[in-house]
PDB file of N, CA and C in Angstrom:
ATOM      1  N   MET A   1      -3.390   2.940 -13.171  1.00  0.00           N
ATOM      2  CA  MET A   1      -3.131   1.748 -12.399  1.00  0.00           C
ATOM      3  C   MET A   1      -1.948   2.015 -11.471  1.00  0.00           C
ATOM      4  N   ILE A   2      -2.095   1.596 -10.246  1.00  0.00           N
ATOM      5  CA  ILE A   2      -1.048   1.718  -9.229  1.00  0.00           C
ATOM      6  C   ILE A   2      -0.565   0.303  -8.912  1.00  0.00           C
ATOM      7  N   LEU A   3       0.745   0.141  -8.772  1.00  0.00           N
ATOM      8  CA  LEU A   3       1.312  -1.186  -8.541  1.00  0.00           C
ATOM      9  C   LEU A   3       2.106  -1.217  -7.241  1.00  0.00           C
ATOM     10  N   PHE A   4       1.843  -2.244  -6.444  1.00  0.00           N
ATOM     11  CA  PHE A   4       2.614  -2.509  -5.233  1.00  0.00           C
ATOM     12  C   PHE A   4       3.393  -3.802  -5.441  1.00  0.00           C
ATOM     13  N   PRO A   5       4.720  -3.738  -5.480  1.00  0.00           N
ATOM     14  CA  PRO A   5       5.516  -4.960  -5.615  1.00  0.00           C
ATOM     15  C   PRO A   5       5.349  -5.850  -4.383  1.00  0.00           C
ATOM     16  N   ALA A   6       5.239  -7.138  -4.624  1.00  0.00           N
ATOM     17  CA  ALA A   6       5.075  -8.088  -3.521  1.00  0.00           C
ATOM     18  C   ALA A   6       6.211  -7.980  -2.515  1.00  0.00           C
ATOM     19  N   SER A   7       7.418  -7.743  -2.993  1.00  0.00           N
ATOM     20  CA  SER A   7       8.571  -7.664  -2.090  1.00  0.00           C
ATOM     21  C   SER A   7       8.428  -6.525  -1.084  1.00  0.00           C
ATOM     22  N   GLU A   8       7.736  -5.468  -1.464  1.00  0.00           N
ATOM     23  CA  GLU A   8       7.514  -4.327  -0.570  1.00  0.00           C
ATOM     24  C   GLU A   8       6.256  -4.512   0.279  1.00  0.00           C
ATOM     25  N   LEU A   9       5.219  -5.086  -0.325  1.00  0.00           N
ATOM     26  CA  LEU A   9       3.919  -5.178   0.339  1.00  0.00           C
ATOM     27  C   LEU A   9       3.817  -6.351   1.308  1.00  0.00           C
ATOM     28  N   ARG A  10       4.490  -7.437   1.015  1.00  0.00           N
ATOM     29  CA  ARG A  10       4.382  -8.637   1.845  1.00  0.00           C
ATOM     30  C   ARG A  10       4.625  -8.364   3.331  1.00  0.00           C
ATOM     31  N   PRO A  11       5.697  -7.655   3.729  1.00  0.00           N
ATOM     32  CA  PRO A  11       5.907  -7.406   5.163  1.00  0.00           C
ATOM     33  C   PRO A  11       4.750  -6.645   5.824  1.00  0.00           C
ATOM     34  N   VAL A  12       4.131  -5.742   5.098  1.00  0.00           N
ATOM     35  CA  VAL A  12       2.986  -4.991   5.633  1.00  0.00           C
ATOM     36  C   VAL A  12       1.807  -5.934   5.855  1.00  0.00           C
ATOM     37  N   LEU A  13       1.540  -6.792   4.887  1.00  0.00           N
ATOM     38  CA  LEU A  13       0.426  -7.733   5.008  1.00  0.00           C
ATOM     39  C   LEU A  13       0.658  -8.737   6.126  1.00  0.00           C
ATOM     40  N   VAL A  14       1.882  -9.233   6.244  1.00  0.00           N
ATOM     41  CA  VAL A  14       2.213 -10.174   7.319  1.00  0.00           C
ATOM     42  C   VAL A  14       2.045  -9.491   8.676  1.00  0.00           C
ATOM     43  N   GLU A  15       2.486  -8.241   8.788  1.00  0.00           N
ATOM     44  CA  GLU A  15       2.316  -7.507  10.044  1.00  0.00           C
ATOM     45  C   GLU A  15       0.838  -7.358  10.386  1.00  0.00           C
ATOM     46  N   ALA A  16       0.009  -7.004   9.411  1.00  0.00           N
ATOM     47  CA  ALA A  16      -1.427  -6.839   9.664  1.00  0.00           C
ATOM     48  C   ALA A  16      -2.063  -8.151  10.108  1.00  0.00           C
ATOM     49  N   ARG A  17      -1.667  -9.238   9.494  1.00  0.00           N
ATOM     50  CA  ARG A  17      -2.218 -10.534   9.903  1.00  0.00           C
ATOM     51  C   ARG A  17      -1.727 -10.933  11.290  1.00  0.00           C
ATOM     52  N   THR A  18      -0.478 -10.686  11.568  1.00  0.00           N
ATOM     53  CA  THR A  18       0.078 -11.015  12.880  1.00  0.00           C
ATOM     54  C   THR A  18      -0.628 -10.238  13.983  1.00  0.00           C
ATOM     55  N   LEU A  19      -0.926  -8.973  13.717  1.00  0.00           N
ATOM     56  CA  LEU A  19      -1.568  -8.113  14.712  1.00  0.00           C
ATOM     57  C   LEU A  19      -3.091  -8.127  14.609  1.00  0.00           C
ATOM     58  N   ALA A  20      -3.632  -8.919  13.678  1.00  0.00           N
ATOM     59  CA  ALA A  20      -5.079  -9.041  13.466  1.00  0.00           C
ATOM     60  C   ALA A  20      -5.742  -7.673  13.293  1.00  0.00           C
ATOM     61  N   CYS A  21      -5.179  -6.882  12.390  1.00  0.00           N
ATOM     62  CA  CYS A  21      -5.743  -5.557  12.125  1.00  0.00           C
ATOM     63  C   CYS A  21      -5.913  -5.356  10.621  1.00  0.00           C
ATOM     64  N   ARG A  22      -6.591  -4.294  10.262  1.00  0.00           N
ATOM     65  CA  ARG A  22      -6.845  -4.026   8.847  1.00  0.00           C
ATOM     66  C   ARG A  22      -5.606  -3.475   8.141  1.00  0.00           C
ATOM     67  N   VAL A  23      -5.635  -3.583   6.823  1.00  0.00           N
ATOM     68  CA  VAL A  23      -4.616  -3.011   5.950  1.00  0.00           C
ATOM     69  C   VAL A  23      -5.206  -1.720   5.388  1.00  0.00           C
ATOM     70  N   ILE A  24      -4.401  -0.657   5.372  1.00  0.00           N
ATOM     71  CA  ILE A  24      -4.899   0.640   4.920  1.00  0.00           C
ATOM     72  C   ILE A  24      -4.171   1.068   3.651  1.00  0.00           C
ATOM     73  N   LEU A  25      -4.956   1.437   2.641  1.00  0.00           N
ATOM     74  CA  LEU A  25      -4.433   2.091   1.443  1.00  0.00           C
ATOM     75  C   LEU A  25      -4.592   3.584   1.675  1.00  0.00           C
ATOM     76  N   VAL A  26      -3.495   4.332   1.567  1.00  0.00           N
ATOM     77  CA  VAL A  26      -3.513   5.764   1.872  1.00  0.00           C
ATOM     78  C   VAL A  26      -3.013   6.552   0.670  1.00  0.00           C
ATOM     79  N   LYS A  27      -3.707   7.648   0.383  1.00  0.00           N
ATOM     80  CA  LYS A  27      -3.204   8.635  -0.572  1.00  0.00           C
ATOM     81  C   LYS A  27      -3.158   9.953   0.177  1.00  0.00           C
ATOM     82  N   ASP A  28      -1.971  10.391   0.502  1.00  0.00           N
ATOM     83  CA  ASP A  28      -1.761  11.723   1.074  1.00  0.00           C
ATOM     84  C   ASP A  28      -0.389  12.187   0.617  1.00  0.00           C
ATOM     85  N   HIS A  29       0.625  11.984   1.420  1.00  0.00           N
ATOM     86  CA  HIS A  29       1.989  12.325   1.002  1.00  0.00           C
ATOM     87  C   HIS A  29       2.587  11.079   0.358  1.00  0.00           C
ATOM     88  N   GLY A  30       2.148  10.789  -0.860  1.00  0.00           N
ATOM     89  CA  GLY A  30       2.476   9.561  -1.560  1.00  0.00           C
ATOM     90  C   GLY A  30       1.265   8.648  -1.581  1.00  0.00           C
ATOM     91  N   VAL A  31       1.444   7.470  -2.154  1.00  0.00           N
ATOM     92  CA  VAL A  31       0.421   6.423  -2.128  1.00  0.00           C
ATOM     93  C   VAL A  31       1.098   5.205  -1.520  1.00  0.00           C
ATOM     94  N   TYR A  32       0.516   4.697  -0.452  1.00  0.00           N
ATOM     95  CA  TYR A  32       1.159   3.604   0.269  1.00  0.00           C
ATOM     96  C   TYR A  32       0.135   2.751   0.988  1.00  0.00           C
ATOM     97  N   MET A  33       0.596   1.583   1.432  1.00  0.00           N
ATOM     98  CA  MET A  33      -0.217   0.700   2.258  1.00  0.00           C
ATOM     99  C   MET A  33       0.533   0.448   3.559  1.00  0.00           C
ATOM    100  N   MET A  34      -0.245   0.287   4.630  1.00  0.00           N
ATOM    101  CA  MET A  34       0.328   0.011   5.943  1.00  0.00           C
ATOM    102  C   MET A  34      -0.698  -0.747   6.763  1.00  0.00           C
ATOM    103  N   SER A  35      -0.236  -1.374   7.841  1.00  0.00           N
ATOM    104  CA  SER A  35      -1.171  -2.036   8.743  1.00  0.00           C
ATOM    105  C   SER A  35      -1.770  -0.981   9.672  1.00  0.00           C
ATOM    106  N   GLU A  36      -2.976  -1.261  10.128  1.00  0.00           N
ATOM    107  CA  GLU A  36      -3.678  -0.325  11.008  1.00  0.00           C
ATOM    108  C   GLU A  36      -2.945  -0.144  12.341  1.00  0.00           C
ATOM    109  N   LYS A  37      -2.289  -1.197  12.796  1.00  0.00           N
ATOM    110  CA  LYS A  37      -1.485  -1.145  14.018  1.00  0.00           C
ATOM    111  C   LYS A  37      -0.043  -1.434  13.641  1.00  0.00           C
ATOM    112  N   SER A  38       0.867  -1.062  14.515  1.00  0.00           N
ATOM    113  CA  SER A  38       2.261  -1.424  14.270  1.00  0.00           C
ATOM    114  C   SER A  38       2.766  -2.275  15.425  1.00  0.00           C
ATOM    115  N   SER A  39       3.745  -3.079  15.133  1.00  0.00           N
ATOM    116  CA  SER A  39       4.305  -3.984  16.123  1.00  0.00           C
ATOM    117  C   SER A  39       4.931  -3.194  17.264  1.00  0.00           C
ATOM    118  N   PRO A  40       4.649  -3.568  18.509  1.00  0.00           N
ATOM    119  CA  PRO A  40       5.238  -2.862  19.647  1.00  0.00           C
ATOM    120  C   PRO A  40       6.759  -2.954  19.680  1.00  0.00           C
ATOM    121  N   SER A  41       7.319  -3.956  19.014  1.00  0.00           N
ATOM    122  CA  SER A  41       8.774  -4.109  19.015  1.00  0.00           C
ATOM    123  C   SER A  41       9.452  -3.240  17.954  1.00  0.00           C
ATOM    124  N   ARG A  42       8.660  -2.594  17.104  1.00  0.00           N
ATOM    125  CA  ARG A  42       9.228  -1.769  16.037  1.00  0.00           C
ATOM    126  C   ARG A  42       9.892  -0.531  16.637  1.00  0.00           C
ATOM    127  N   VAL A  43      11.059  -0.203  16.151  1.00  0.00           N
ATOM    128  CA  VAL A  43      11.790   0.975  16.619  1.00  0.00           C
ATOM    129  C   VAL A  43      11.118   2.220  16.058  1.00  0.00           C
ATOM    130  N   THR A  44      10.896   3.210  16.900  1.00  0.00           N
ATOM    131  CA  THR A  44      10.252   4.438  16.437  1.00  0.00           C
ATOM    132  C   THR A  44      11.275   5.402  15.854  1.00  0.00           C
ATOM    133  N   SER A  45      10.828   6.190  14.898  1.00  0.00           N
ATOM    134  CA  SER A  45      11.693   7.184  14.259  1.00  0.00           C
ATOM    135  C   SER A  45      11.735   8.455  15.098  1.00  0.00           C
ATOM    136  N   ARG A  46      12.490   9.432  14.628  1.00  0.00           N
ATOM    137  CA  ARG A  46      12.632  10.692  15.365  1.00  0.00           C
ATOM    138  C   ARG A  46      11.292  11.390  15.583  1.00  0.00           C
ATOM    139  N   ASN A  47      10.378  11.284  14.620  1.00  0.00           N
ATOM    140  CA  ASN A  47       9.091  11.964  14.769  1.00  0.00           C
ATOM    141  C   ASN A  47       8.048  11.103  15.482  1.00  0.00           C
ATOM    142  N   GLY A  48       8.472   9.987  16.041  1.00  0.00           N
ATOM    143  CA  GLY A  48       7.562   9.154  16.812  1.00  0.00           C
ATOM    144  C   GLY A  48       6.817   8.115  15.990  1.00  0.00           C
ATOM    145  N   GLU A  49       6.989   8.129  14.677  1.00  0.00           N
ATOM    146  CA  GLU A  49       6.317   7.155  13.820  1.00  0.00           C
ATOM    147  C   GLU A  49       7.022   5.806  13.912  1.00  0.00           C
ATOM    148  N   SER A  50       6.249   4.762  13.891  1.00  0.00           N
ATOM    149  CA  SER A  50       6.834   3.423  13.902  1.00  0.00           C
ATOM    150  C   SER A  50       6.073   2.525  12.936  1.00  0.00           C
ATOM    151  N   ARG A  51       5.840   3.020  11.764  1.00  0.00           N
ATOM    152  CA  ARG A  51       5.044   2.308  10.771  1.00  0.00           C
ATOM    153  C   ARG A  51       5.899   1.643   9.707  1.00  0.00           C
ATOM    154  N   LEU A  52       5.506   0.452   9.363  1.00  0.00           N
ATOM    155  CA  LEU A  52       6.058  -0.237   8.212  1.00  0.00           C
ATOM    156  C   LEU A  52       5.178   0.166   7.036  1.00  0.00           C
ATOM    157  N   ILE A  53       5.772   0.777   6.016  1.00  0.00           N
ATOM    158  CA  ILE A  53       5.013   1.327   4.893  1.00  0.00           C
ATOM    159  C   ILE A  53       5.522   0.734   3.591  1.00  0.00           C
ATOM    160  N   ALA A  54       4.589   0.387   2.699  1.00  0.00           N
ATOM    161  CA  ALA A  54       4.927  -0.062   1.345  1.00  0.00           C
ATOM    162  C   ALA A  54       4.381   0.973   0.372  1.00  0.00           C
ATOM    163  N   TYR A  55       5.276   1.670  -0.314  1.00  0.00           N
ATOM    164  CA  TYR A  55       4.856   2.671  -1.296  1.00  0.00           C
ATOM    165  C   TYR A  55       4.555   2.012  -2.634  1.00  0.00           C
ATOM    166  N   ALA A  56       3.589   2.571  -3.344  1.00  0.00           N
ATOM    167  CA  ALA A  56       3.306   2.144  -4.713  1.00  0.00           C
ATOM    168  C   ALA A  56       4.454   2.588  -5.613  1.00  0.00           C
ATOM    169  N   VAL A  57       4.681   1.851  -6.676  1.00  0.00           N
ATOM    170  CA  VAL A  57       5.720   2.202  -7.643  1.00  0.00           C
ATOM    171  C   VAL A  57       5.438   3.605  -8.187  1.00  0.00           C
ATOM    172  N   GLY A  58       6.448   4.466  -8.100  1.00  0.00           N
ATOM    173  CA  GLY A  58       6.330   5.824  -8.612  1.00  0.00           C
ATOM    174  C   GLY A  58       5.624   6.797  -7.692  1.00  0.00           C
ATOM    175  N   CYS A  59       5.270   6.372  -6.475  1.00  0.00           N
ATOM    176  CA  CYS A  59       4.505   7.229  -5.558  1.00  0.00           C
ATOM    177  C   CYS A  59       5.171   7.416  -4.203  1.00  0.00           C
ATOM    178  N   ASN A  60       6.477   7.233  -4.140  1.00  0.00           N
ATOM    179  CA  ASN A  60       7.221   7.447  -2.902  1.00  0.00           C
ATOM    180  C   ASN A  60       7.826   8.844  -2.941  1.00  0.00           C
ATOM    181  N   PRO A  61       7.354   9.760  -2.104  1.00  0.00           N
ATOM    182  CA  PRO A  61       7.841  11.139  -2.155  1.00  0.00           C
ATOM    183  C   PRO A  61       9.305  11.299  -1.754  1.00  0.00           C
ATOM    184  N   GLU A  62       9.897  10.261  -1.165  1.00  0.00           N
ATOM    185  CA  GLU A  62      11.313  10.339  -0.804  1.00  0.00           C
ATOM    186  C   GLU A  62      12.229   9.994  -1.976  1.00  0.00           C
ATOM    187  N   THR A  63      11.674   9.358  -3.010  1.00  0.00           N
ATOM    188  CA  THR A  63      12.507   8.937  -4.138  1.00  0.00           C
ATOM    189  C   THR A  63      12.036   9.471  -5.488  1.00  0.00           C
ATOM    190  N   VAL A  64      10.836  10.036  -5.532  1.00  0.00           N
ATOM    191  CA  VAL A  64      10.250  10.528  -6.782  1.00  0.00           C
ATOM    192  C   VAL A  64       9.851  11.984  -6.570  1.00  0.00           C
ATOM    193  N   SER A  65      10.041  12.808  -7.582  1.00  0.00           N
ATOM    194  CA  SER A  65       9.700  14.229  -7.453  1.00  0.00           C
ATOM    195  C   SER A  65       8.208  14.401  -7.175  1.00  0.00           C
ATOM    196  N   PHE A  66       7.878  15.495  -6.487  1.00  0.00           N
ATOM    197  CA  PHE A  66       6.487  15.771  -6.135  1.00  0.00           C
ATOM    198  C   PHE A  66       5.590  15.738  -7.362  1.00  0.00           C
ATOM    199  N   ASP A  67       5.965  16.474  -8.400  1.00  0.00           N
ATOM    200  CA  ASP A  67       5.119  16.556  -9.594  1.00  0.00           C
ATOM    201  C   ASP A  67       4.861  15.187 -10.204  1.00  0.00           C
ATOM    202  N   GLU A  68       5.857  14.317 -10.164  1.00  0.00           N
ATOM    203  CA  GLU A  68       5.725  12.991 -10.771  1.00  0.00           C
ATOM    204  C   GLU A  68       4.780  12.094  -9.974  1.00  0.00           C
ATOM    205  N   TRP A  69       5.015  11.972  -8.656  1.00  0.00           N
ATOM    206  CA  TRP A  69       4.151  11.076  -7.885  1.00  0.00           C
ATOM    207  C   TRP A  69       2.750  11.655  -7.736  1.00  0.00           C
ATOM    208  N   TRP A  70       2.643  12.975  -7.613  1.00  0.00           N
ATOM    209  CA  TRP A  70       1.331  13.613  -7.463  1.00  0.00           C
ATOM    210  C   TRP A  70       0.491  13.400  -8.722  1.00  0.00           C
ATOM    211  N   SER A  71       1.104  13.546  -9.879  1.00  0.00           N
ATOM    212  CA  SER A  71       0.396  13.346 -11.144  1.00  0.00           C
ATOM    213  C   SER A  71      -0.110  11.911 -11.261  1.00  0.00           C
ATOM    214  N   LEU A  72       0.739  10.947 -10.947  1.00  0.00           N
ATOM    215  CA  LEU A  72       0.346   9.539 -11.008  1.00  0.00           C
ATOM    216  C   LEU A  72      -0.792   9.249 -10.029  1.00  0.00           C
ATOM    217  N   ALA A  73      -0.669   9.734  -8.802  1.00  0.00           N
ATOM    218  CA  ALA A  73      -1.694   9.502  -7.779  1.00  0.00           C
ATOM    219  C   ALA A  73      -3.024  10.145  -8.162  1.00  0.00           C
ATOM    220  N   CYS A  74      -2.976  11.370  -8.666  1.00  0.00           N
ATOM    221  CA  CYS A  74      -4.207  12.079  -9.043  1.00  0.00           C
ATOM    222  C   CYS A  74      -4.857  11.472 -10.277  1.00  0.00           C
ATOM    223  N   THR A  75      -4.051  11.006 -11.208  1.00  0.00           N
ATOM    224  CA  THR A  75      -4.597  10.369 -12.408  1.00  0.00           C
ATOM    225  C   THR A  75      -5.419   9.147 -12.027  1.00  0.00           C
ATOM    226  N   GLU A  76      -4.936   8.382 -11.077  1.00  0.00           N
ATOM    227  CA  GLU A  76      -5.640   7.156 -10.697  1.00  0.00           C
ATOM    228  C   GLU A  76      -6.727   7.385  -9.653  1.00  0.00           C
ATOM    229  N   PHE A  77      -6.467   8.240  -8.669  1.00  0.00           N
ATOM    230  CA  PHE A  77      -7.365   8.358  -7.521  1.00  0.00           C
ATOM    231  C   PHE A  77      -8.023   9.723  -7.353  1.00  0.00           C
ATOM    232  N   GLY A  78      -7.735  10.673  -8.209  1.00  0.00           N
ATOM    233  CA  GLY A  78      -8.284  12.016  -8.036  1.00  0.00           C
ATOM    234  C   GLY A  78      -7.434  12.820  -7.065  1.00  0.00           C
ATOM    235  N   GLY A  79      -7.845  14.059  -6.812  1.00  0.00           N
ATOM    236  CA  GLY A  79      -7.025  14.974  -6.036  1.00  0.00           C
ATOM    237  C   GLY A  79      -7.162  14.895  -4.531  1.00  0.00           C
ATOM    238  N   ASP A  80      -8.236  14.303  -4.027  1.00  0.00           N
ATOM    239  CA  ASP A  80      -8.455  14.280  -2.581  1.00  0.00           C
ATOM    240  C   ASP A  80      -7.632  13.195  -1.896  1.00  0.00           C
ATOM    241  N   ASP A  81      -7.171  13.496  -0.688  1.00  0.00           N
ATOM    242  CA  ASP A  81      -6.517  12.497   0.148  1.00  0.00           C
ATOM    243  C   ASP A  81      -7.576  11.518   0.649  1.00  0.00           C
ATOM    244  N   PHE A  82      -7.179  10.286   0.914  1.00  0.00           N
ATOM    245  CA  PHE A  82      -8.124   9.309   1.449  1.00  0.00           C
ATOM    246  C   PHE A  82      -7.379   8.171   2.131  1.00  0.00           C
ATOM    247  N   ALA A  83      -8.131   7.385   2.872  1.00  0.00           N
ATOM    248  CA  ALA A  83      -7.660   6.122   3.438  1.00  0.00           C
ATOM    249  C   ALA A  83      -8.773   5.105   3.234  1.00  0.00           C
ATOM    250  N   GLU A  84      -8.421   3.965   2.696  1.00  0.00           N
ATOM    251  CA  GLU A  84      -9.376   2.882   2.467  1.00  0.00           C
ATOM    252  C   GLU A  84      -8.878   1.658   3.234  1.00  0.00           C
ATOM    253  N   TYR A  85      -9.786   1.012   3.956  1.00  0.00           N
ATOM    254  CA  TYR A  85      -9.420  -0.097   4.834  1.00  0.00           C
ATOM    255  C   TYR A  85      -9.821  -1.442   4.222  1.00  0.00           C
ATOM    256  N   PHE A  86      -8.921  -2.428   4.356  1.00  0.00           N
ATOM    257  CA  PHE A  86      -9.166  -3.769   3.831  1.00  0.00           C
ATOM    258  C   PHE A  86      -8.947  -4.799   4.936  1.00  0.00           C
ATOM    259  N   ASP A  87      -9.712  -5.879   4.876  1.00  0.00           N
ATOM    260  CA  ASP A  87      -9.550  -6.985   5.812  1.00  0.00           C
ATOM    261  C   ASP A  87      -8.201  -7.661   5.555  1.00  0.00           C
ATOM    262  N   HIS A  88      -7.450  -7.894   6.603  1.00  0.00           N
ATOM    263  CA  HIS A  88      -6.127  -8.513   6.455  1.00  0.00           C
ATOM    264  C   HIS A  88      -6.208  -9.924   5.892  1.00  0.00           C
ATOM    265  N   ASP A  89      -7.358 -10.576   6.041  1.00  0.00           N
ATOM    266  CA  ASP A  89      -7.518 -11.943   5.545  1.00  0.00           C
ATOM    267  C   ASP A  89      -8.124 -12.014   4.146  1.00  0.00           C
ATOM    268  N   ALA A  90      -8.220 -10.893   3.449  1.00  0.00           N
ATOM    269  CA  ALA A  90      -8.749 -10.916   2.080  1.00  0.00           C
ATOM    270  C   ALA A  90      -7.938 -11.914   1.256  1.00  0.00           C
ATOM    271  N   ALA A  91      -8.635 -12.761   0.518  1.00  0.00           N
ATOM    272  CA  ALA A  91      -7.977 -13.835  -0.237  1.00  0.00           C
ATOM    273  C   ALA A  91      -6.941 -13.308  -1.224  1.00  0.00           C
ATOM    274  N   ILE A  92      -7.163 -12.131  -1.763  1.00  0.00           N
ATOM    275  CA  ILE A  92      -6.211 -11.584  -2.736  1.00  0.00           C
ATOM    276  C   ILE A  92      -4.832 -11.390  -2.112  1.00  0.00           C
ATOM    277  N   PHE A  93      -4.794 -11.108  -0.816  1.00  0.00           N
ATOM    278  CA  PHE A  93      -3.510 -10.914  -0.143  1.00  0.00           C
ATOM    279  C   PHE A  93      -2.728 -12.222  -0.007  1.00  0.00           C
ATOM    280  N   ASP A  94      -3.433 -13.371  -0.044  1.00  0.00           N
ATOM    281  CA  ASP A  94      -2.737 -14.665  -0.018  1.00  0.00           C
ATOM    282  C   ASP A  94      -1.786 -14.792  -1.200  1.00  0.00           C
ATOM    283  N   ARG A  95      -2.212 -14.324  -2.357  1.00  0.00           N
ATOM    284  CA  ARG A  95      -1.378 -14.428  -3.562  1.00  0.00           C
ATOM    285  C   ARG A  95      -0.114 -13.592  -3.427  1.00  0.00           C
ATOM    286  N   VAL A  96      -0.228 -12.452  -2.767  1.00  0.00           N
ATOM    287  CA  VAL A  96       0.942 -11.592  -2.549  1.00  0.00           C
ATOM    288  C   VAL A  96       1.892 -12.263  -1.560  1.00  0.00           C
ATOM    289  N   ILE A  97       1.349 -12.719  -0.437  1.00  0.00           N
ATOM    290  CA  ILE A  97       2.173 -13.306   0.620  1.00  0.00           C
ATOM    291  C   ILE A  97       2.759 -14.656   0.203  1.00  0.00           C
ATOM    292  N   ASP A  98       1.909 -15.550  -0.269  1.00  0.00           N
ATOM    293  CA  ASP A  98       2.334 -16.930  -0.530  1.00  0.00           C
ATOM    294  C   ASP A  98       3.019 -17.129  -1.880  1.00  0.00           C
ATOM    295  N   ASP A  99       2.567 -16.391  -2.888  1.00  0.00           N
ATOM    296  CA  ASP A  99       3.036 -16.644  -4.254  1.00  0.00           C
ATOM    297  C   ASP A  99       3.911 -15.532  -4.822  1.00  0.00           C
ATOM    298  N   GLY A 100       4.041 -14.415  -4.097  1.00  0.00           N
ATOM    299  CA  GLY A 100       4.903 -13.335  -4.555  1.00  0.00           C
ATOM    300  C   GLY A 100       4.354 -12.525  -5.715  1.00  0.00           C
ATOM    301  N   TRP A 101       3.039 -12.541  -5.907  1.00  0.00           N
ATOM    302  CA  TRP A 101       2.437 -11.752  -6.975  1.00  0.00           C
ATOM    303  C   TRP A 101       2.316 -10.304  -6.519  1.00  0.00           C
ATOM    304  N   ASN A 102       2.430  -9.386  -7.455  1.00  0.00           N
ATOM    305  CA  ASN A 102       2.276  -7.959  -7.168  1.00  0.00           C
ATOM    306  C   ASN A 102       0.800  -7.606  -7.079  1.00  0.00           C
ATOM    307  N   LEU A 103       0.496  -6.532  -6.367  1.00  0.00           N
ATOM    308  CA  LEU A 103      -0.877  -6.053  -6.237  1.00  0.00           C
ATOM    309  C   LEU A 103      -1.060  -4.827  -7.120  1.00  0.00           C
ATOM    310  N   GLU A 104      -2.089  -4.875  -7.942  1.00  0.00           N
ATOM    311  CA  GLU A 104      -2.422  -3.768  -8.837  1.00  0.00           C
ATOM    312  C   GLU A 104      -3.746  -3.173  -8.369  1.00  0.00           C
ATOM    313  N   ILE A 105      -3.808  -1.844  -8.301  1.00  0.00           N
ATOM    314  CA  ILE A 105      -5.045  -1.181  -7.892  1.00  0.00           C
ATOM    315  C   ILE A 105      -5.431  -0.163  -8.953  1.00  0.00           C
ATOM    316  N   ARG A 106      -6.681  -0.260  -9.385  1.00  0.00           N
ATOM    317  CA  ARG A 106      -7.262   0.704 -10.312  1.00  0.00           C
ATOM    318  C   ARG A 106      -8.494   1.299  -9.643  1.00  0.00           C
ATOM    319  N   ALA A 107      -8.918   2.444 -10.137  1.00  0.00           N
ATOM    320  CA  ALA A 107     -10.074   3.100  -9.536  1.00  0.00           C
ATOM    321  C   ALA A 107     -10.924   3.760 -10.610  1.00  0.00           C
ATOM    322  N   ASP A 108     -12.223   3.839 -10.324  1.00  0.00           N
ATOM    323  CA  ASP A 108     -13.093   4.729 -11.076  1.00  0.00           C
ATOM    324  C   ASP A 108     -13.716   5.660 -10.041  1.00  0.00           C
ATOM    325  N   GLU A 109     -14.691   6.423 -10.415  1.00  0.00           N
ATOM    326  CA  GLU A 109     -15.203   7.416  -9.464  1.00  0.00           C
ATOM    327  C   GLU A 109     -15.952   6.812  -8.286  1.00  0.00           C
ATOM    328  N   HIS A 110     -16.272   5.507  -8.348  1.00  0.00           N
ATOM    329  CA  HIS A 110     -17.042   4.883  -7.271  1.00  0.00           C
ATOM    330  C   HIS A 110     -16.364   3.697  -6.592  1.00  0.00           C
ATOM    331  N   HIS A 111     -15.399   3.072  -7.255  1.00  0.00           N
ATOM    332  CA  HIS A 111     -14.855   1.819  -6.739  1.00  0.00           C
ATOM    333  C   HIS A 111     -13.342   1.735  -6.893  1.00  0.00           C
ATOM    334  N   LEU A 112     -12.757   0.912  -6.037  1.00  0.00           N
ATOM    335  CA  LEU A 112     -11.367   0.487  -6.190  1.00  0.00           C
ATOM    336  C   LEU A 112     -11.390  -0.959  -6.668  1.00  0.00           C
ATOM    337  N   TYR A 113     -10.488  -1.293  -7.573  1.00  0.00           N
ATOM    338  CA  TYR A 113     -10.394  -2.644  -8.109  1.00  0.00           C
ATOM    339  C   TYR A 113      -9.005  -3.181  -7.806  1.00  0.00           C
ATOM    340  N   LEU A 114      -8.947  -4.284  -7.064  1.00  0.00           N
ATOM    341  CA  LEU A 114      -7.677  -4.905  -6.718  1.00  0.00           C
ATOM    342  C   LEU A 114      -7.497  -6.170  -7.534  1.00  0.00           C
ATOM    343  N   ASP A 115      -6.284  -6.370  -8.011  1.00  0.00           N
ATOM    344  CA  ASP A 115      -5.959  -7.564  -8.772  1.00  0.00           C
ATOM    345  C   ASP A 115      -4.508  -7.920  -8.481  1.00  0.00           C
ATOM    346  N   VAL A 116      -4.163  -9.167  -8.683  1.00  0.00           N
ATOM    347  CA  VAL A 116      -2.768  -9.578  -8.553  1.00  0.00           C
ATOM    348  C   VAL A 116      -2.216  -9.858  -9.941  1.00  0.00           C
ATOM    349  N   VAL A 117      -0.954  -9.524 -10.117  1.00  0.00           N
ATOM    350  CA  VAL A 117      -0.292  -9.732 -11.402  1.00  0.00           C
ATOM    351  C   VAL A 117       1.051 -10.395 -11.150  1.00  0.00           C
ATOM    352  N   LEU A 118       1.474 -11.188 -12.115  1.00  0.00           N
ATOM    353  CA  LEU A 118       2.771 -11.846 -12.003  1.00  0.00           C
ATOM    354  C   LEU A 118       3.876 -10.831 -11.783  1.00  0.00           C
ATOM    355  N   ARG A 119       4.908 -11.247 -11.110  1.00  0.00           N
ATOM    356  CA  ARG A 119       6.029 -10.357 -10.805  1.00  0.00           C
ATOM    357  C   ARG A 119       6.616  -9.697 -12.038  1.00  0.00           C
ATOM    358  N   ASP A 120       6.733 -10.427 -13.124  1.00  0.00           N
ATOM    359  CA  ASP A 120       7.364  -9.891 -14.327  1.00  0.00           C
ATOM    360  C   ASP A 120       6.365  -9.302 -15.307  1.00  0.00           C
ATOM    361  N   ALA A 121       5.094  -9.208 -14.919  1.00  0.00           N
ATOM    362  CA  ALA A 121       4.063  -8.695 -15.833  1.00  0.00           C
ATOM    363  C   ALA A 121       4.156  -7.194 -15.985  1.00  0.00           C
TER     364      ALA A 121
END
């Protein structure tokens, strides 16, 4: 199970809704979610990136060792990199934005399962 805290994910979801674009779940260098587009007013970094990113708990390569986040990501999602796209208006995202619930993602070999869980759960 991968967990996205509402405090981290909410800004990404709000950005996607504001820009009317999809939300992307990515597994490559970490596991994170981001909006398909980024706000034109966002300041770009040195490498030209201007993305607002929400990392899953334990899957941020800037704060967790490679072996640790890679093991967690592979256990849940397998070894291949991927990007999965979600509609920004998916009802489950309302619970994250409006109620502050965390987003939990589980996977089997064919499907991703999204659920919301209480902040303290």
